[in-house]
N, C-alpha and C. Protein backbone atom coordinates (compact mmCIF):
# COMPACT_ATOMS: atom_id res chain seq x y z
N UNK A 1 4.20 5.25 -2.81
CA UNK A 1 4.52 6.63 -3.08
C UNK A 1 3.63 7.49 -2.19
N UNK A 2 4.22 8.49 -1.60
CA UNK A 2 3.49 9.43 -0.76
C UNK A 2 3.45 10.78 -1.45
N UNK A 3 2.31 11.45 -1.36
CA UNK A 3 2.19 12.82 -1.85
C UNK A 3 1.57 13.64 -0.74
N UNK A 4 2.06 14.85 -0.57
CA UNK A 4 1.51 15.70 0.48
C UNK A 4 1.48 17.15 0.02
N UNK A 5 0.62 17.93 0.67
CA UNK A 5 0.54 19.35 0.35
C UNK A 5 1.52 20.16 1.19
N UNK A 6 2.24 19.49 2.10
CA UNK A 6 3.19 20.17 2.97
C UNK A 6 4.61 20.03 2.48
N UNK A 7 5.53 19.82 3.42
CA UNK A 7 6.95 19.72 3.13
C UNK A 7 7.34 18.40 2.47
N UNK A 8 6.47 17.42 2.52
CA UNK A 8 6.78 16.12 1.93
C UNK A 8 7.48 15.18 2.88
N UNK A 9 7.33 15.41 4.18
CA UNK A 9 7.94 14.55 5.18
C UNK A 9 6.86 14.03 6.13
N UNK A 10 6.06 13.05 5.67
CA UNK A 10 4.99 12.55 6.54
C UNK A 10 5.55 11.75 7.71
N UNK A 11 4.85 11.84 8.83
CA UNK A 11 5.22 11.11 10.05
C UNK A 11 4.03 10.28 10.47
N UNK A 12 4.31 9.23 11.22
CA UNK A 12 3.23 8.39 11.71
C UNK A 12 2.43 9.14 12.75
N UNK A 13 1.11 9.05 12.64
CA UNK A 13 0.21 9.76 13.54
C UNK A 13 -0.03 8.93 14.80
N UNK A 14 -0.56 9.58 15.83
CA UNK A 14 -0.92 8.89 17.06
C UNK A 14 -2.27 8.18 16.90
N UNK A 15 -2.99 8.48 15.83
CA UNK A 15 -4.29 7.86 15.56
C UNK A 15 -4.07 6.39 15.22
N UNK A 16 -4.90 5.52 15.79
CA UNK A 16 -4.77 4.09 15.53
C UNK A 16 -5.18 3.77 14.10
N UNK A 17 -4.46 2.87 13.49
CA UNK A 17 -4.79 2.44 12.15
C UNK A 17 -5.94 1.44 12.16
N UNK A 18 -6.73 1.43 11.11
CA UNK A 18 -7.83 0.48 11.01
C UNK A 18 -7.72 -0.35 9.74
N UNK A 19 -6.65 -0.18 8.98
CA UNK A 19 -6.45 -0.93 7.74
C UNK A 19 -5.25 -1.85 7.92
N UNK A 20 -5.46 -3.13 7.61
CA UNK A 20 -4.43 -4.13 7.81
C UNK A 20 -4.37 -5.06 6.60
N UNK A 21 -3.29 -5.82 6.55
CA UNK A 21 -3.12 -6.83 5.50
C UNK A 21 -2.48 -8.05 6.15
N UNK A 22 -2.87 -9.22 5.71
CA UNK A 22 -2.34 -10.46 6.27
C UNK A 22 -0.89 -10.65 5.84
N UNK A 23 -0.05 -11.03 6.79
CA UNK A 23 1.35 -11.34 6.52
C UNK A 23 1.42 -12.85 6.27
N UNK A 24 1.60 -13.22 5.01
CA UNK A 24 1.50 -14.62 4.61
C UNK A 24 2.66 -15.49 5.09
N UNK A 25 3.80 -14.90 5.35
CA UNK A 25 4.98 -15.68 5.71
C UNK A 25 5.01 -16.09 7.18
N UNK A 26 4.17 -15.51 8.02
CA UNK A 26 4.19 -15.79 9.46
C UNK A 26 3.09 -16.78 9.82
N UNK A 27 3.47 -17.79 10.59
CA UNK A 27 2.52 -18.81 11.05
C UNK A 27 2.58 -18.84 12.58
N UNK A 28 1.41 -18.84 13.23
CA UNK A 28 1.35 -18.89 14.68
C UNK A 28 -0.02 -19.43 15.08
N UNK A 29 -0.07 -20.24 16.13
CA UNK A 29 -1.34 -20.76 16.64
C UNK A 29 -1.90 -19.76 17.65
N UNK A 30 -2.99 -19.12 17.29
CA UNK A 30 -3.59 -18.11 18.16
C UNK A 30 -4.22 -18.77 19.38
N UNK A 31 -4.15 -18.10 20.52
CA UNK A 31 -4.62 -18.67 21.79
C UNK A 31 -6.11 -18.41 22.04
N UNK A 32 -6.57 -17.19 21.76
CA UNK A 32 -7.94 -16.82 22.09
C UNK A 32 -8.91 -17.27 21.00
N UNK A 33 -10.11 -17.67 21.43
CA UNK A 33 -11.12 -18.16 20.50
C UNK A 33 -11.57 -17.04 19.55
N UNK A 34 -11.75 -15.83 20.08
CA UNK A 34 -12.19 -14.71 19.23
C UNK A 34 -11.12 -14.36 18.19
N UNK A 35 -9.86 -14.50 18.56
CA UNK A 35 -8.77 -14.23 17.61
C UNK A 35 -8.76 -15.27 16.50
N UNK A 36 -8.98 -16.54 16.87
CA UNK A 36 -9.01 -17.60 15.86
C UNK A 36 -10.18 -17.43 14.91
N UNK A 37 -11.35 -17.04 15.42
CA UNK A 37 -12.51 -16.84 14.55
C UNK A 37 -12.30 -15.63 13.64
N UNK A 38 -11.69 -14.57 14.19
CA UNK A 38 -11.37 -13.39 13.37
C UNK A 38 -10.41 -13.77 12.25
N UNK A 39 -9.35 -14.50 12.59
CA UNK A 39 -8.34 -14.88 11.60
C UNK A 39 -8.93 -15.80 10.54
N UNK A 40 -9.83 -16.66 10.94
CA UNK A 40 -10.49 -17.56 9.99
C UNK A 40 -11.36 -16.77 9.01
N UNK A 41 -12.17 -15.84 9.54
CA UNK A 41 -13.01 -15.01 8.66
C UNK A 41 -12.17 -14.13 7.76
N UNK A 42 -11.09 -13.58 8.30
CA UNK A 42 -10.20 -12.74 7.50
C UNK A 42 -9.57 -13.56 6.37
N UNK A 43 -9.17 -14.80 6.66
CA UNK A 43 -8.56 -15.65 5.65
C UNK A 43 -9.53 -16.01 4.53
N UNK A 44 -10.82 -16.11 4.86
CA UNK A 44 -11.83 -16.43 3.84
C UNK A 44 -12.18 -15.21 2.99
N UNK A 45 -12.36 -14.06 3.64
CA UNK A 45 -12.83 -12.87 2.93
C UNK A 45 -11.71 -12.05 2.31
N UNK A 46 -10.57 -11.97 2.97
CA UNK A 46 -9.45 -11.13 2.50
C UNK A 46 -8.15 -11.93 2.57
N UNK A 47 -7.96 -12.93 1.74
CA UNK A 47 -6.76 -13.78 1.86
C UNK A 47 -5.45 -13.03 1.66
N UNK A 48 -5.40 -12.12 0.69
CA UNK A 48 -4.14 -11.39 0.45
C UNK A 48 -4.34 -9.89 0.32
N UNK A 49 -5.58 -9.42 0.36
CA UNK A 49 -5.86 -8.01 0.15
C UNK A 49 -5.96 -7.25 1.46
N UNK A 50 -5.68 -5.96 1.47
CA UNK A 50 -5.88 -5.15 2.67
C UNK A 50 -7.36 -5.06 3.02
N UNK A 51 -7.64 -4.89 4.30
CA UNK A 51 -9.03 -4.80 4.76
C UNK A 51 -9.11 -3.81 5.92
N UNK A 52 -10.32 -3.33 6.16
CA UNK A 52 -10.57 -2.42 7.29
C UNK A 52 -11.32 -3.19 8.37
N UNK A 53 -11.11 -2.82 9.60
CA UNK A 53 -11.78 -3.49 10.73
C UNK A 53 -13.29 -3.36 10.61
N UNK A 54 -13.77 -2.23 10.09
CA UNK A 54 -15.21 -1.99 10.01
C UNK A 54 -15.91 -2.92 9.02
N UNK A 55 -15.16 -3.67 8.22
CA UNK A 55 -15.78 -4.58 7.27
C UNK A 55 -16.23 -5.90 7.92
N UNK A 56 -15.96 -6.07 9.21
CA UNK A 56 -16.39 -7.26 9.93
C UNK A 56 -17.69 -6.97 10.67
N UNK A 57 -18.51 -8.01 10.85
CA UNK A 57 -19.80 -7.82 11.54
C UNK A 57 -19.60 -7.41 12.99
N UNK A 58 -18.79 -8.17 13.72
CA UNK A 58 -18.52 -7.87 15.13
C UNK A 58 -17.20 -7.12 15.23
N UNK A 59 -17.27 -5.80 15.28
CA UNK A 59 -16.08 -4.96 15.27
C UNK A 59 -15.27 -5.15 16.55
N UNK A 60 -15.93 -5.34 17.69
CA UNK A 60 -15.21 -5.50 18.95
C UNK A 60 -14.38 -6.78 18.95
N UNK A 61 -14.96 -7.86 18.47
CA UNK A 61 -14.21 -9.12 18.39
C UNK A 61 -13.06 -8.99 17.38
N UNK A 62 -13.29 -8.23 16.32
CA UNK A 62 -12.24 -8.01 15.31
C UNK A 62 -11.07 -7.24 15.93
N UNK A 63 -11.36 -6.27 16.77
CA UNK A 63 -10.30 -5.50 17.42
C UNK A 63 -9.46 -6.39 18.33
N UNK A 64 -10.12 -7.30 19.05
CA UNK A 64 -9.40 -8.23 19.92
C UNK A 64 -8.53 -9.16 19.07
N UNK A 65 -9.08 -9.65 17.97
CA UNK A 65 -8.33 -10.53 17.08
C UNK A 65 -7.15 -9.83 16.45
N UNK A 66 -7.35 -8.59 16.05
CA UNK A 66 -6.28 -7.80 15.44
C UNK A 66 -5.14 -7.60 16.45
N UNK A 67 -5.49 -7.35 17.70
CA UNK A 67 -4.48 -7.11 18.72
C UNK A 67 -3.56 -8.31 18.87
N UNK A 68 -4.12 -9.51 18.98
CA UNK A 68 -3.28 -10.70 19.14
C UNK A 68 -2.49 -11.00 17.86
N UNK A 69 -3.11 -10.79 16.71
CA UNK A 69 -2.42 -11.02 15.44
C UNK A 69 -1.25 -10.05 15.26
N UNK A 70 -1.42 -8.80 15.67
CA UNK A 70 -0.33 -7.82 15.59
C UNK A 70 0.81 -8.17 16.54
N UNK A 71 0.48 -8.69 17.73
CA UNK A 71 1.51 -9.06 18.70
C UNK A 71 2.41 -10.15 18.15
N UNK A 72 1.87 -11.01 17.29
CA UNK A 72 2.64 -12.13 16.75
C UNK A 72 2.99 -11.94 15.28
N UNK A 73 2.95 -10.69 14.81
CA UNK A 73 3.36 -10.31 13.45
C UNK A 73 2.64 -11.08 12.35
N UNK A 74 1.35 -11.35 12.56
CA UNK A 74 0.55 -12.04 11.55
C UNK A 74 -0.16 -11.06 10.64
N UNK A 75 -0.16 -9.78 11.00
CA UNK A 75 -0.79 -8.73 10.20
C UNK A 75 0.21 -7.62 9.95
N UNK A 76 0.03 -6.95 8.83
CA UNK A 76 0.82 -5.77 8.48
C UNK A 76 -0.11 -4.57 8.57
N UNK A 77 0.22 -3.60 9.42
CA UNK A 77 -0.64 -2.43 9.61
C UNK A 77 -0.25 -1.34 8.63
N UNK A 78 -1.24 -0.68 8.07
CA UNK A 78 -1.02 0.49 7.21
C UNK A 78 -1.17 1.72 8.10
N UNK A 79 -0.06 2.37 8.45
CA UNK A 79 -0.12 3.47 9.43
C UNK A 79 -0.82 4.71 8.88
N UNK A 80 -1.38 5.48 9.79
CA UNK A 80 -1.98 6.77 9.45
C UNK A 80 -0.86 7.79 9.45
N UNK A 81 -0.69 8.50 8.34
CA UNK A 81 0.39 9.48 8.22
C UNK A 81 -0.15 10.89 8.34
N UNK A 82 0.67 11.79 8.87
CA UNK A 82 0.25 13.18 9.01
C UNK A 82 1.44 14.10 8.84
N UNK A 83 1.14 15.34 8.56
CA UNK A 83 2.15 16.41 8.56
C UNK A 83 1.64 17.48 9.50
N UNK A 84 1.95 18.72 9.20
CA UNK A 84 1.45 19.81 10.02
C UNK A 84 -0.06 19.90 9.89
N UNK A 85 -0.70 20.59 10.83
CA UNK A 85 -2.16 20.75 10.80
C UNK A 85 -2.60 21.44 9.52
N UNK A 86 -3.63 20.92 8.89
CA UNK A 86 -4.16 21.50 7.67
C UNK A 86 -3.53 20.95 6.40
N UNK A 87 -2.49 20.12 6.51
CA UNK A 87 -1.85 19.53 5.34
C UNK A 87 -2.46 18.15 5.06
N UNK A 88 -2.49 17.77 3.80
CA UNK A 88 -3.08 16.51 3.39
C UNK A 88 -1.97 15.57 2.92
N UNK A 89 -2.05 14.30 3.34
CA UNK A 89 -1.08 13.28 2.94
C UNK A 89 -1.85 12.15 2.27
N UNK A 90 -1.39 11.71 1.10
CA UNK A 90 -2.00 10.60 0.39
C UNK A 90 -0.94 9.56 0.08
N UNK A 91 -1.34 8.29 0.11
CA UNK A 91 -0.41 7.20 -0.15
C UNK A 91 -0.94 6.37 -1.31
N UNK A 92 -0.08 6.08 -2.29
CA UNK A 92 -0.45 5.28 -3.45
C UNK A 92 0.46 4.06 -3.48
N UNK A 93 -0.12 2.89 -3.73
CA UNK A 93 0.68 1.67 -3.85
C UNK A 93 0.26 0.93 -5.09
N UNK A 94 1.23 0.29 -5.74
CA UNK A 94 0.92 -0.57 -6.87
C UNK A 94 2.03 -1.60 -7.00
N UNK A 95 1.72 -2.70 -7.66
CA UNK A 95 2.69 -3.75 -7.91
C UNK A 95 3.12 -3.64 -9.36
N UNK A 96 4.42 -3.52 -9.58
CA UNK A 96 4.95 -3.32 -10.92
C UNK A 96 5.98 -4.40 -11.22
N UNK A 97 5.91 -4.97 -12.43
CA UNK A 97 6.91 -5.93 -12.89
C UNK A 97 7.80 -5.23 -13.91
N UNK A 98 9.08 -5.15 -13.61
CA UNK A 98 10.03 -4.53 -14.53
C UNK A 98 10.70 -5.66 -15.30
N UNK A 99 10.37 -5.75 -16.58
CA UNK A 99 10.87 -6.80 -17.45
C UNK A 99 11.95 -6.23 -18.37
N UNK A 100 12.74 -7.07 -19.03
CA UNK A 100 13.80 -6.55 -19.89
C UNK A 100 13.29 -5.65 -21.03
N UNK A 101 12.11 -5.94 -21.59
CA UNK A 101 11.62 -5.17 -22.73
C UNK A 101 10.46 -4.23 -22.39
N UNK A 102 9.86 -4.40 -21.24
CA UNK A 102 8.72 -3.54 -20.91
C UNK A 102 8.51 -3.51 -19.40
N UNK A 103 7.62 -2.65 -18.96
CA UNK A 103 7.23 -2.56 -17.56
C UNK A 103 5.72 -2.73 -17.51
N UNK A 104 5.23 -3.58 -16.60
CA UNK A 104 3.81 -3.89 -16.53
C UNK A 104 3.30 -3.61 -15.13
N UNK A 105 2.17 -2.89 -15.03
CA UNK A 105 1.52 -2.67 -13.75
C UNK A 105 0.62 -3.86 -13.49
N UNK A 106 0.89 -4.62 -12.42
CA UNK A 106 0.12 -5.82 -12.12
C UNK A 106 -1.11 -5.52 -11.27
N UNK A 107 -1.00 -4.56 -10.37
CA UNK A 107 -2.13 -4.21 -9.50
C UNK A 107 -2.02 -2.74 -9.11
N UNK A 108 -3.17 -2.10 -8.95
CA UNK A 108 -3.19 -0.71 -8.52
C UNK A 108 -2.89 0.25 -9.64
N UNK A 109 -3.30 -0.07 -10.85
CA UNK A 109 -2.96 0.75 -12.02
C UNK A 109 -3.94 1.90 -12.21
N UNK A 110 -4.10 2.73 -11.22
CA UNK A 110 -4.97 3.90 -11.36
C UNK A 110 -4.21 4.99 -12.10
N UNK A 111 -4.89 5.76 -12.92
CA UNK A 111 -4.18 6.84 -13.62
C UNK A 111 -3.65 7.87 -12.61
N UNK A 112 -2.43 8.32 -12.83
CA UNK A 112 -1.78 9.26 -11.92
C UNK A 112 -1.50 10.55 -12.68
N UNK A 113 -2.09 11.64 -12.24
CA UNK A 113 -1.95 12.93 -12.90
C UNK A 113 -0.70 13.64 -12.36
N UNK A 114 0.39 13.63 -13.13
CA UNK A 114 1.64 14.23 -12.68
C UNK A 114 1.59 15.76 -12.69
N UNK A 115 0.64 16.33 -13.43
CA UNK A 115 0.52 17.79 -13.51
C UNK A 115 0.10 18.40 -12.17
N UNK A 116 -0.56 17.61 -11.32
CA UNK A 116 -1.05 18.13 -10.05
C UNK A 116 0.03 18.22 -8.98
N UNK A 117 1.17 17.57 -9.21
CA UNK A 117 2.22 17.53 -8.21
C UNK A 117 3.49 18.16 -8.77
N UNK A 118 4.01 19.15 -8.07
CA UNK A 118 5.23 19.83 -8.52
C UNK A 118 6.41 19.30 -7.71
N UNK A 119 7.49 18.88 -8.38
CA UNK A 119 8.66 18.38 -7.64
C UNK A 119 9.42 19.52 -6.98
N UNK A 120 10.14 19.20 -5.91
CA UNK A 120 10.93 20.21 -5.21
C UNK A 120 12.29 20.41 -5.87
N UNK A 121 12.81 19.39 -6.54
CA UNK A 121 14.10 19.49 -7.23
C UNK A 121 13.90 19.18 -8.71
N UNK A 122 14.81 19.66 -9.54
CA UNK A 122 14.71 19.37 -10.97
C UNK A 122 15.96 18.62 -11.43
N UNK A 123 15.82 17.89 -12.53
CA UNK A 123 16.93 17.12 -13.09
C UNK A 123 17.75 18.03 -13.99
N UNK A 124 19.06 18.04 -13.81
CA UNK A 124 19.94 18.93 -14.57
C UNK A 124 20.57 18.25 -15.79
N UNK A 125 20.84 16.97 -15.71
CA UNK A 125 21.52 16.24 -16.78
C UNK A 125 20.54 15.90 -17.90
N UNK A 126 20.91 16.21 -19.13
CA UNK A 126 20.03 15.98 -20.29
C UNK A 126 19.75 14.50 -20.53
N UNK A 127 20.76 13.64 -20.36
CA UNK A 127 20.57 12.21 -20.59
C UNK A 127 19.59 11.61 -19.58
N UNK A 128 19.63 12.08 -18.35
CA UNK A 128 18.70 11.60 -17.33
C UNK A 128 17.29 12.12 -17.62
N UNK A 129 17.17 13.39 -18.05
CA UNK A 129 15.87 13.94 -18.42
C UNK A 129 15.23 13.12 -19.54
N UNK A 130 16.05 12.77 -20.54
CA UNK A 130 15.56 11.98 -21.67
C UNK A 130 15.08 10.61 -21.21
N UNK A 131 15.82 9.99 -20.29
CA UNK A 131 15.45 8.69 -19.76
C UNK A 131 14.15 8.75 -18.96
N UNK A 132 13.99 9.78 -18.16
CA UNK A 132 12.78 9.94 -17.34
C UNK A 132 11.56 10.22 -18.22
N UNK A 133 11.72 11.00 -19.27
CA UNK A 133 10.59 11.36 -20.12
C UNK A 133 10.21 10.29 -21.14
N UNK A 134 11.00 9.24 -21.25
CA UNK A 134 10.72 8.16 -22.19
C UNK A 134 9.43 7.43 -21.79
N UNK A 135 8.67 6.97 -22.76
CA UNK A 135 7.42 6.26 -22.51
C UNK A 135 7.72 4.94 -21.80
N UNK A 136 7.20 4.78 -20.59
CA UNK A 136 7.50 3.62 -19.76
C UNK A 136 6.60 2.44 -20.09
N UNK A 137 5.38 2.69 -20.51
CA UNK A 137 4.39 1.63 -20.69
C UNK A 137 4.25 1.22 -22.15
N UNK A 138 5.20 1.58 -23.00
CA UNK A 138 5.13 1.28 -24.42
C UNK A 138 5.30 -0.22 -24.64
N UNK A 139 4.38 -0.80 -25.39
CA UNK A 139 4.45 -2.22 -25.69
C UNK A 139 5.28 -2.42 -26.95
N UNK A 140 6.09 -3.46 -26.92
CA UNK A 140 6.93 -3.80 -28.06
C UNK A 140 6.06 -4.41 -29.17
N UNK A 141 6.35 -4.08 -30.42
CA UNK A 141 5.67 -4.71 -31.54
C UNK A 141 6.16 -6.14 -31.69
N UNK A 142 5.21 -7.05 -31.92
CA UNK A 142 5.59 -8.45 -32.09
C UNK A 142 6.26 -8.63 -33.45
N UNK A 143 7.34 -9.36 -33.45
CA UNK A 143 8.07 -9.60 -34.69
C UNK A 143 7.38 -10.72 -35.48
N UNK A 144 7.24 -10.51 -36.75
CA UNK A 144 6.62 -11.53 -37.61
C UNK A 144 7.69 -12.50 -38.05
N UNK A 145 7.34 -13.78 -37.98
CA UNK A 145 8.28 -14.82 -38.39
C UNK A 145 8.10 -15.21 -39.82
């Protein structure tokens, strides 16, 4: 989910990204020694989580490793987003499991203050309003046998 103080149409910036995540489905034998050592350290320290280049001891070697990994789609880059000058863009991500009886936040369950963000459009249909306003995280009572 993206939130911005501008028009709500973020675009990718020309600024290079420094946050990446390993793409688990891609396998490739890296050619350069520095790339292999970077990938090995990344696999030990950040197996599935996003990481920043600055979290490595040798940042220059990490940049070289990232370059080769990106060329072969072994990393997923988190792009830097921007709007007009002076506008702020924020990105929120979480993993949610939608089950038949409930919805569970698996990761990234930070509290989100909806009062701070005003929507540009409003819902007109009463049945849809009722559905949207329903408690999403309500746990079902266990039935006694």
